[in-house]
Amino acid sequence: MTKYHFRKWSVLPARAVGDRQLKERELRVLGALCVFANRAGVCWPAMETLCDITGYAERMTIHSAMKVLKRRKYVRQLSPKDYQETASGWKSNRYQVLWDGDEALPTYEDIHIATPLQVRDDDELDANVIGGMGDGQSNTHTTDQPEASAIAHAYIRAVQQATGQVRLYDNEIAHARRLAVAGFTAADVRAATLNVCDQAIERRAGVPSLYDVAGGML
């Protein structure tokens, strides 16, 4: 499990712990899903990511576990038609971890807030990320210089991956501009942010701002 930087914890539905009809395979896959789930249980890790976390080399193992988890009502596969998505739907399957088993469908906002928790490429900035990180922001800051905007989003995604916490774009863009002017890239900032977050977690400190990250870079 070395390809990605994951959250260090995974919250399972408590009822799964005592469910003797679940095998180790299902528990491991359920735990892997929960690494990316928000409070509403929404997540969409790629099959490759699930294989990487669980240690299973075969995708069929993940598929088999998913069938059991759906049948036992620990996981619900979400349909894009329920959220007025385009005809092409979503690029990857989206799921809802069911803490009690009878939860209502998540809202569109529940899905939107889960976006930063999913594994993303450094250069993957799309409409789901630009213009909102679950904080109700509109797409009003697209006039920022591309380098600064990419740095701000790289920091926000790194904080989400390391801590699960949401940071606001507008609070960080000024420091992102400073870093862009100094010649730092989004990849530089992402690596530095993950490092600073790990140090903060070890000290049980608060979530570092981009100002804190920049302090160690400038």
C-alpha atoms as a PDB file:
ATOM      1  CA  MET A   1       0.000   0.000   0.000  1.00  0.00           C
ATOM      2  CA  THR A   2       2.563   2.525  -1.148  1.00  0.00           C
ATOM      3  CA  LYS A   3       1.061   4.138  -4.246  1.00  0.00           C
ATOM      4  CA  TYR A   4      -1.254   6.638  -2.506  1.00  0.00           C
ATOM      5  CA  HIS A   5      -1.401   8.693   0.663  1.00  0.00           C
ATOM      6  CA  PHE A   6      -4.446   7.486   2.588  1.00  0.00           C
ATOM      7  CA  ARG A   7      -6.157   8.569   5.744  1.00  0.00           C
ATOM      8  CA  LYS A   8      -4.736   6.659   8.700  1.00  0.00           C
ATOM      9  CA  TRP A   9      -8.091   5.377   9.920  1.00  0.00           C
ATOM     10  CA  SER A  10     -11.297   3.779   8.700  1.00  0.00           C
ATOM     11  CA  VAL A  11     -14.624   3.829  10.603  1.00  0.00           C
ATOM     12  CA  LEU A  12     -16.597   0.620  10.045  1.00  0.00           C
ATOM     13  CA  PRO A  13     -20.311   0.135  10.703  1.00  0.00           C
ATOM     14  CA  ALA A  14     -20.292  -1.326  14.220  1.00  0.00           C
ATOM     15  CA  ARG A  15     -22.799  -4.019  13.265  1.00  0.00           C
ATOM     16  CA  ALA A  16     -20.300  -5.506  10.802  1.00  0.00           C
ATOM     17  CA  VAL A  17     -17.901  -6.447  13.589  1.00  0.00           C
ATOM     18  CA  GLY A  18     -20.284  -9.032  15.029  1.00  0.00           C
ATOM     19  CA  ASP A  19     -21.748 -10.246  11.746  1.00  0.00           C
ATOM     20  CA  ARG A  20     -20.555 -13.850  11.468  1.00  0.00           C
ATOM     21  CA  GLN A  21     -21.788 -14.094   7.889  1.00  0.00           C
ATOM     22  CA  LEU A  22     -19.094 -11.660   6.788  1.00  0.00           C
ATOM     23  CA  LYS A  23     -15.759 -13.190   5.901  1.00  0.00           C
ATOM     24  CA  GLU A  24     -12.394 -11.492   6.253  1.00  0.00           C
ATOM     25  CA  ARG A  25     -12.615 -10.582   2.567  1.00  0.00           C
ATOM     26  CA  GLU A  26     -15.822  -8.595   3.045  1.00  0.00           C
ATOM     27  CA  LEU A  27     -14.558  -6.857   6.185  1.00  0.00           C
ATOM     28  CA  ARG A  28     -11.356  -5.790   4.457  1.00  0.00           C
ATOM     29  CA  VAL A  29     -13.194  -4.420   1.433  1.00  0.00           C
ATOM     30  CA  LEU A  30     -15.727  -2.647   3.667  1.00  0.00           C
ATOM     31  CA  GLY A  31     -12.874  -1.118   5.660  1.00  0.00           C
ATOM     32  CA  ALA A  32     -11.193   0.016   2.440  1.00  0.00           C
ATOM     33  CA  LEU A  33     -14.392   1.721   1.278  1.00  0.00           C
ATOM     34  CA  CYS A  34     -14.682   3.480   4.616  1.00  0.00           C
ATOM     35  CA  VAL A  35     -11.207   4.987   4.174  1.00  0.00           C
ATOM     36  CA  PHE A  36     -12.794   7.286   1.559  1.00  0.00           C
ATOM     37  CA  ALA A  37     -16.314   7.636   2.955  1.00  0.00           C
ATOM     38  CA  ASN A  38     -17.652  10.886   4.376  1.00  0.00           C
ATOM     39  CA  ARG A  39     -20.211  11.064   7.179  1.00  0.00           C
ATOM     40  CA  ALA A  40     -22.971  10.111   4.759  1.00  0.00           C
ATOM     41  CA  GLY A  41     -20.978   7.028   3.754  1.00  0.00           C
ATOM     42  CA  VAL A  42     -20.398   8.264   0.197  1.00  0.00           C
ATOM     43  CA  CYS A  43     -17.231   7.117  -1.584  1.00  0.00           C
ATOM     44  CA  TRP A  44     -15.965   5.988  -4.993  1.00  0.00           C
ATOM     45  CA  PRO A  45     -12.439   4.548  -4.782  1.00  0.00           C
ATOM     46  CA  ALA A  46     -11.241   2.887  -7.971  1.00  0.00           C
ATOM     47  CA  MET A  47     -10.994  -0.885  -8.142  1.00  0.00           C
ATOM     48  CA  GLU A  48      -7.215  -0.547  -8.379  1.00  0.00           C
ATOM     49  CA  THR A  49      -7.216   1.468  -5.166  1.00  0.00           C
ATOM     50  CA  LEU A  50      -9.311  -1.131  -3.339  1.00  0.00           C
ATOM     51  CA  CYS A  51      -6.937  -3.876  -4.482  1.00  0.00           C
ATOM     52  CA  ASP A  52      -3.990  -1.806  -3.280  1.00  0.00           C
ATOM     53  CA  ILE A  53      -5.452  -1.197   0.188  1.00  0.00           C
ATOM     54  CA  THR A  54      -6.786  -4.709   0.814  1.00  0.00           C
ATOM     55  CA  GLY A  55      -3.800  -6.502  -0.668  1.00  0.00           C
ATOM     56  CA  TYR A  56      -5.971  -8.540  -3.034  1.00  0.00           C
ATOM     57  CA  ALA A  57      -4.409  -8.835  -6.467  1.00  0.00           C
ATOM     58  CA  GLU A  58      -7.553 -10.010  -8.257  1.00  0.00           C
ATOM     59  CA  ARG A  59     -10.376  -7.603  -8.978  1.00  0.00           C
ATOM     60  CA  MET A  60     -12.782 -10.520  -8.899  1.00  0.00           C
ATOM     61  CA  THR A  61     -12.116 -10.810  -5.158  1.00  0.00           C
ATOM     62  CA  ILE A  62     -13.278  -7.221  -4.702  1.00  0.00           C
ATOM     63  CA  HIS A  63     -16.319  -7.787  -6.930  1.00  0.00           C
ATOM     64  CA  SER A  64     -17.298 -10.905  -4.962  1.00  0.00           C
ATOM     65  CA  ALA A  65     -16.980  -9.073  -1.655  1.00  0.00           C
ATOM     66  CA  MET A  66     -19.043  -6.170  -2.997  1.00  0.00           C
ATOM     67  CA  LYS A  67     -21.876  -8.532  -3.927  1.00  0.00           C
ATOM     68  CA  VAL A  68     -22.029  -9.831  -0.371  1.00  0.00           C
ATOM     69  CA  LEU A  69     -21.811  -6.336   1.143  1.00  0.00           C
ATOM     70  CA  LYS A  70     -24.662  -5.133  -1.059  1.00  0.00           C
ATOM     71  CA  ARG A  71     -26.782  -8.178  -0.275  1.00  0.00           C
ATOM     72  CA  ARG A  72     -26.148  -7.772   3.466  1.00  0.00           C
ATOM     73  CA  LYS A  73     -27.007  -4.041   3.177  1.00  0.00           C
ATOM     74  CA  TYR A  74     -23.628  -2.694   4.183  1.00  0.00           C
ATOM     75  CA  VAL A  75     -23.106  -0.996   0.819  1.00  0.00           C
ATOM     76  CA  ARG A  76     -25.459   0.603  -1.678  1.00  0.00           C
ATOM     77  CA  GLN A  77     -24.408   1.327  -5.255  1.00  0.00           C
ATOM     78  CA  LEU A  78     -25.600   4.775  -6.263  1.00  0.00           C
ATOM     79  CA  SER A  79     -27.173   5.549  -9.615  1.00  0.00           C
ATOM     80  CA  PRO A  80     -26.373   8.808 -11.466  1.00  0.00           C
ATOM     81  CA  LYS A  81     -29.987   9.124 -12.625  1.00  0.00           C
ATOM     82  CA  ASP A  82     -30.984   9.833  -9.022  1.00  0.00           C
ATOM     83  CA  TYR A  83     -28.851  12.983  -9.132  1.00  0.00           C
ATOM     84  CA  GLN A  84     -29.794  14.320 -12.583  1.00  0.00           C
ATOM     85  CA  GLU A  85     -26.369  13.564 -14.003  1.00  0.00           C
ATOM     86  CA  THR A  86     -25.738  13.568 -17.745  1.00  0.00           C
ATOM     87  CA  ALA A  87     -26.447  10.522 -19.889  1.00  0.00           C
ATOM     88  CA  SER A  88     -22.810   9.450 -19.578  1.00  0.00           C
ATOM     89  CA  GLY A  89     -23.235   9.153 -15.810  1.00  0.00           C
ATOM     90  CA  TRP A  90     -20.170   8.935 -13.591  1.00  0.00           C
ATOM     91  CA  LYS A  91     -16.690   7.807 -14.605  1.00  0.00           C
ATOM     92  CA  SER A  92     -16.529   5.349 -11.709  1.00  0.00           C
ATOM     93  CA  ASN A  93     -19.060   3.505  -9.557  1.00  0.00           C
ATOM     94  CA  ARG A  94     -20.191   5.451  -6.506  1.00  0.00           C
ATOM     95  CA  TYR A  95     -21.204   3.807  -3.268  1.00  0.00           C
ATOM     96  CA  GLN A  96     -22.838   4.577   0.037  1.00  0.00           C
ATOM     97  CA  VAL A  97     -21.635   2.722   3.124  1.00  0.00           C
ATOM     98  CA  LEU A  98     -24.733   1.974   5.212  1.00  0.00           C
ATOM     99  CA  TRP A  99     -24.085   2.431   8.911  1.00  0.00           C
ATOM    100  CA  ASP A 100     -27.527   1.132   9.954  1.00  0.00           C
ATOM    101  CA  GLY A 101     -28.659  -0.564   6.747  1.00  0.00           C
ATOM    102  CA  ASP A 102     -31.775   1.493   6.045  1.00  0.00           C
ATOM    103  CA  GLU A 103     -30.381   4.965   5.355  1.00  0.00           C
ATOM    104  CA  ALA A 104     -32.044   7.201   2.803  1.00  0.00           C
ATOM    105  CA  LEU A 105     -30.223   7.995  -0.410  1.00  0.00           C
ATOM    106  CA  PRO A 106     -27.538  10.638   0.105  1.00  0.00           C
ATOM    107  CA  THR A 107     -28.239  14.122  -1.168  1.00  0.00           C
ATOM    108  CA  TYR A 108     -26.314  15.742  -3.995  1.00  0.00           C
ATOM    109  CA  GLU A 109     -24.533  17.801  -1.339  1.00  0.00           C
ATOM    110  CA  ASP A 110     -23.501  14.604   0.477  1.00  0.00           C
ATOM    111  CA  ILE A 111     -21.849  13.403  -2.723  1.00  0.00           C
ATOM    112  CA  HIS A 112     -20.237  16.760  -3.426  1.00  0.00           C
ATOM    113  CA  ILE A 113     -18.683  16.919   0.054  1.00  0.00           C
ATOM    114  CA  ALA A 114     -17.152  13.456  -0.460  1.00  0.00           C
ATOM    115  CA  THR A 115     -15.210  14.558  -3.550  1.00  0.00           C
ATOM    116  CA  PRO A 116     -12.034  15.703  -1.732  1.00  0.00           C
ATOM    117  CA  LEU A 117     -11.778  12.381   0.133  1.00  0.00           C
ATOM    118  CA  GLN A 118     -11.288  10.354  -3.049  1.00  0.00           C
ATOM    119  CA  VAL A 119      -7.867   9.619  -4.523  1.00  0.00           C
ATOM    120  CA  ARG A 120      -7.113  12.033  -7.372  1.00  0.00           C
ATOM    121  CA  ASP A 121      -4.217  12.710  -9.722  1.00  0.00           C
ATOM    122  CA  ASP A 122      -2.211  15.855  -8.982  1.00  0.00           C
ATOM    123  CA  ASP A 123      -3.255  17.457 -12.261  1.00  0.00           C
ATOM    124  CA  GLU A 124      -6.903  16.403 -12.102  1.00  0.00           C
ATOM    125  CA  LEU A 125      -8.855  19.622 -11.655  1.00  0.00           C
ATOM    126  CA  ASP A 126     -12.405  19.371 -12.912  1.00  0.00           C
ATOM    127  CA  ALA A 127     -15.749  20.985 -12.315  1.00  0.00           C
ATOM    128  CA  ASN A 128     -16.332  18.861  -9.229  1.00  0.00           C
ATOM    129  CA  VAL A 129     -13.252  20.288  -7.552  1.00  0.00           C
ATOM    130  CA  ILE A 130     -12.879  23.794  -8.916  1.00  0.00           C
ATOM    131  CA  GLY A 131     -15.609  25.887  -7.364  1.00  0.00           C
ATOM    132  CA  GLY A 132     -16.351  23.896  -4.258  1.00  0.00           C
ATOM    133  CA  MET A 133     -14.892  21.612  -1.628  1.00  0.00           C
ATOM    134  CA  GLY A 134     -18.130  20.974   0.216  1.00  0.00           C
ATOM    135  CA  ASP A 135     -18.172  24.499   1.561  1.00  0.00           C
ATOM    136  CA  GLY A 136     -20.856  26.009  -0.645  1.00  0.00           C
ATOM    137  CA  GLN A 137     -18.432  28.047  -2.715  1.00  0.00           C
ATOM    138  CA  SER A 138     -19.447  28.978  -6.228  1.00  0.00           C
ATOM    139  CA  ASN A 139     -17.169  28.949  -9.224  1.00  0.00           C
ATOM    140  CA  THR A 140     -16.158  32.590  -8.724  1.00  0.00           C
ATOM    141  CA  HIS A 141     -12.393  32.247  -8.418  1.00  0.00           C
ATOM    142  CA  THR A 142     -11.547  30.772 -11.818  1.00  0.00           C
ATOM    143  CA  THR A 143      -9.862  34.072 -12.747  1.00  0.00           C
ATOM    144  CA  ASP A 144      -6.951  33.300 -10.405  1.00  0.00           C
ATOM    145  CA  GLN A 145      -3.673  32.576 -12.132  1.00  0.00           C
ATOM    146  CA  PRO A 146      -3.638  28.849 -13.039  1.00  0.00           C
ATOM    147  CA  GLU A 147      -0.470  28.128 -11.032  1.00  0.00           C
ATOM    148  CA  ALA A 148      -1.874  29.644  -7.824  1.00  0.00           C
ATOM    149  CA  SER A 149      -5.244  27.943  -8.279  1.00  0.00           C
ATOM    150  CA  ALA A 150      -3.569  24.565  -8.842  1.00  0.00           C
ATOM    151  CA  ILE A 151      -1.442  25.070  -5.712  1.00  0.00           C
ATOM    152  CA  ALA A 152      -4.479  25.969  -3.593  1.00  0.00           C
ATOM    153  CA  HIS A 153      -6.378  22.897  -4.773  1.00  0.00           C
ATOM    154  CA  ALA A 154      -3.333  20.650  -4.316  1.00  0.00           C
ATOM    155  CA  TYR A 155      -3.091  21.820  -0.705  1.00  0.00           C
ATOM    156  CA  ILE A 156      -6.831  21.317  -0.100  1.00  0.00           C
ATOM    157  CA  ARG A 157      -6.819  17.787  -1.558  1.00  0.00           C
ATOM    158  CA  ALA A 158      -3.706  16.836   0.418  1.00  0.00           C
ATOM    159  CA  VAL A 159      -5.284  18.017   3.678  1.00  0.00           C
ATOM    160  CA  GLN A 160      -8.410  16.025   2.867  1.00  0.00           C
ATOM    161  CA  GLN A 161      -6.420  12.870   2.155  1.00  0.00           C
ATOM    162  CA  ALA A 162      -4.271  13.206   5.269  1.00  0.00           C
ATOM    163  CA  THR A 163      -6.843  14.396   7.811  1.00  0.00           C
ATOM    164  CA  GLY A 164     -10.324  14.223   6.302  1.00  0.00           C
ATOM    165  CA  GLN A 165     -10.809  17.917   7.045  1.00  0.00           C
ATOM    166  CA  VAL A 166     -12.182  20.535   4.658  1.00  0.00           C
ATOM    167  CA  ARG A 167     -10.226  23.733   3.979  1.00  0.00           C
ATOM    168  CA  LEU A 168     -11.665  26.759   2.177  1.00  0.00           C
ATOM    169  CA  TYR A 169     -10.147  27.874  -1.101  1.00  0.00           C
ATOM    170  CA  ASP A 170     -10.695  31.567  -0.421  1.00  0.00           C
ATOM    171  CA  ASN A 171      -8.782  31.336   2.870  1.00  0.00           C
ATOM    172  CA  GLU A 172      -5.712  29.833   1.184  1.00  0.00           C
ATOM    173  CA  ILE A 173      -5.410  31.450  -2.235  1.00  0.00           C
ATOM    174  CA  ALA A 174      -3.309  34.402  -1.021  1.00  0.00           C
ATOM    175  CA  HIS A 175      -0.611  32.040   0.266  1.00  0.00           C
ATOM    176  CA  ALA A 176      -0.934  29.983  -2.923  1.00  0.00           C
ATOM    177  CA  ARG A 177      -0.112  33.101  -4.931  1.00  0.00           C
ATOM    178  CA  ARG A 178       3.020  33.666  -2.847  1.00  0.00           C
ATOM    179  CA  LEU A 179       4.161  30.118  -3.493  1.00  0.00           C
ATOM    180  CA  ALA A 180       3.417  30.405  -7.213  1.00  0.00           C
ATOM    181  CA  VAL A 181       5.458  33.603  -7.465  1.00  0.00           C
ATOM    182  CA  ALA A 182       8.313  31.837  -5.669  1.00  0.00           C
ATOM    183  CA  GLY A 183       8.279  29.136  -8.346  1.00  0.00           C
ATOM    184  CA  PHE A 184       6.761  26.243  -6.410  1.00  0.00           C
ATOM    185  CA  THR A 185       4.473  23.782  -8.201  1.00  0.00           C
ATOM    186  CA  ALA A 186       1.287  22.033  -7.125  1.00  0.00           C
ATOM    187  CA  ALA A 187       3.278  18.797  -6.733  1.00  0.00           C
ATOM    188  CA  ASP A 188       5.756  20.572  -4.422  1.00  0.00           C
ATOM    189  CA  VAL A 189       2.933  21.902  -2.275  1.00  0.00           C
ATOM    190  CA  ARG A 190       1.108  18.582  -2.154  1.00  0.00           C
ATOM    191  CA  ALA A 191       4.216  16.764  -0.908  1.00  0.00           C
ATOM    192  CA  ALA A 192       4.963  19.467   1.649  1.00  0.00           C
ATOM    193  CA  THR A 193       1.355  19.508   2.863  1.00  0.00           C
ATOM    194  CA  LEU A 194       1.247  15.750   3.392  1.00  0.00           C
ATOM    195  CA  ASN A 195       4.485  15.969   5.366  1.00  0.00           C
ATOM    196  CA  VAL A 196       3.273  18.847   7.547  1.00  0.00           C
ATOM    197  CA  CYS A 197      -0.075  17.096   8.138  1.00  0.00           C
ATOM    198  CA  ASP A 198       1.692  13.919   9.247  1.00  0.00           C
ATOM    199  CA  GLN A 199       3.787  15.934  11.698  1.00  0.00           C
ATOM    200  CA  ALA A 200       0.677  17.711  13.010  1.00  0.00           C
ATOM    201  CA  ILE A 201      -1.113  14.397  13.527  1.00  0.00           C
ATOM    202  CA  GLU A 202       1.821  13.015  15.473  1.00  0.00           C
ATOM    203  CA  ARG A 203       1.793  16.093  17.723  1.00  0.00           C
ATOM    204  CA  ARG A 204      -2.021  15.983  17.921  1.00  0.00           C
ATOM    205  CA  ALA A 205      -1.988  19.545  16.660  1.00  0.00           C
ATOM    206  CA  GLY A 206      -4.647  21.238  14.552  1.00  0.00           C
ATOM    207  CA  VAL A 207      -4.964  21.088  10.781  1.00  0.00           C
ATOM    208  CA  PRO A 208      -2.132  23.145   9.236  1.00  0.00           C
ATOM    209  CA  SER A 209      -3.086  26.053   7.007  1.00  0.00           C
ATOM    210  CA  LEU A 210      -1.325  26.766   3.738  1.00  0.00           C
ATOM    211  CA  TYR A 211       0.426  29.561   5.632  1.00  0.00           C
ATOM    212  CA  ASP A 212       1.958  26.897   7.902  1.00  0.00           C
ATOM    213  CA  VAL A 213       2.993  24.805   4.908  1.00  0.00           C
ATOM    214  CA  ALA A 214       4.452  27.817   3.117  1.00  0.00           C
ATOM    215  CA  GLY A 215       6.475  28.719   6.211  1.00  0.00           C
ATOM    216  CA  GLY A 216       8.582  25.613   5.726  1.00  0.00           C
ATOM    217  CA  MET A 217       9.016  26.183   1.996  1.00  0.00           C
ATOM    218  CA  LEU A 218       9.801  29.888   1.611  1.00  0.00           C
END
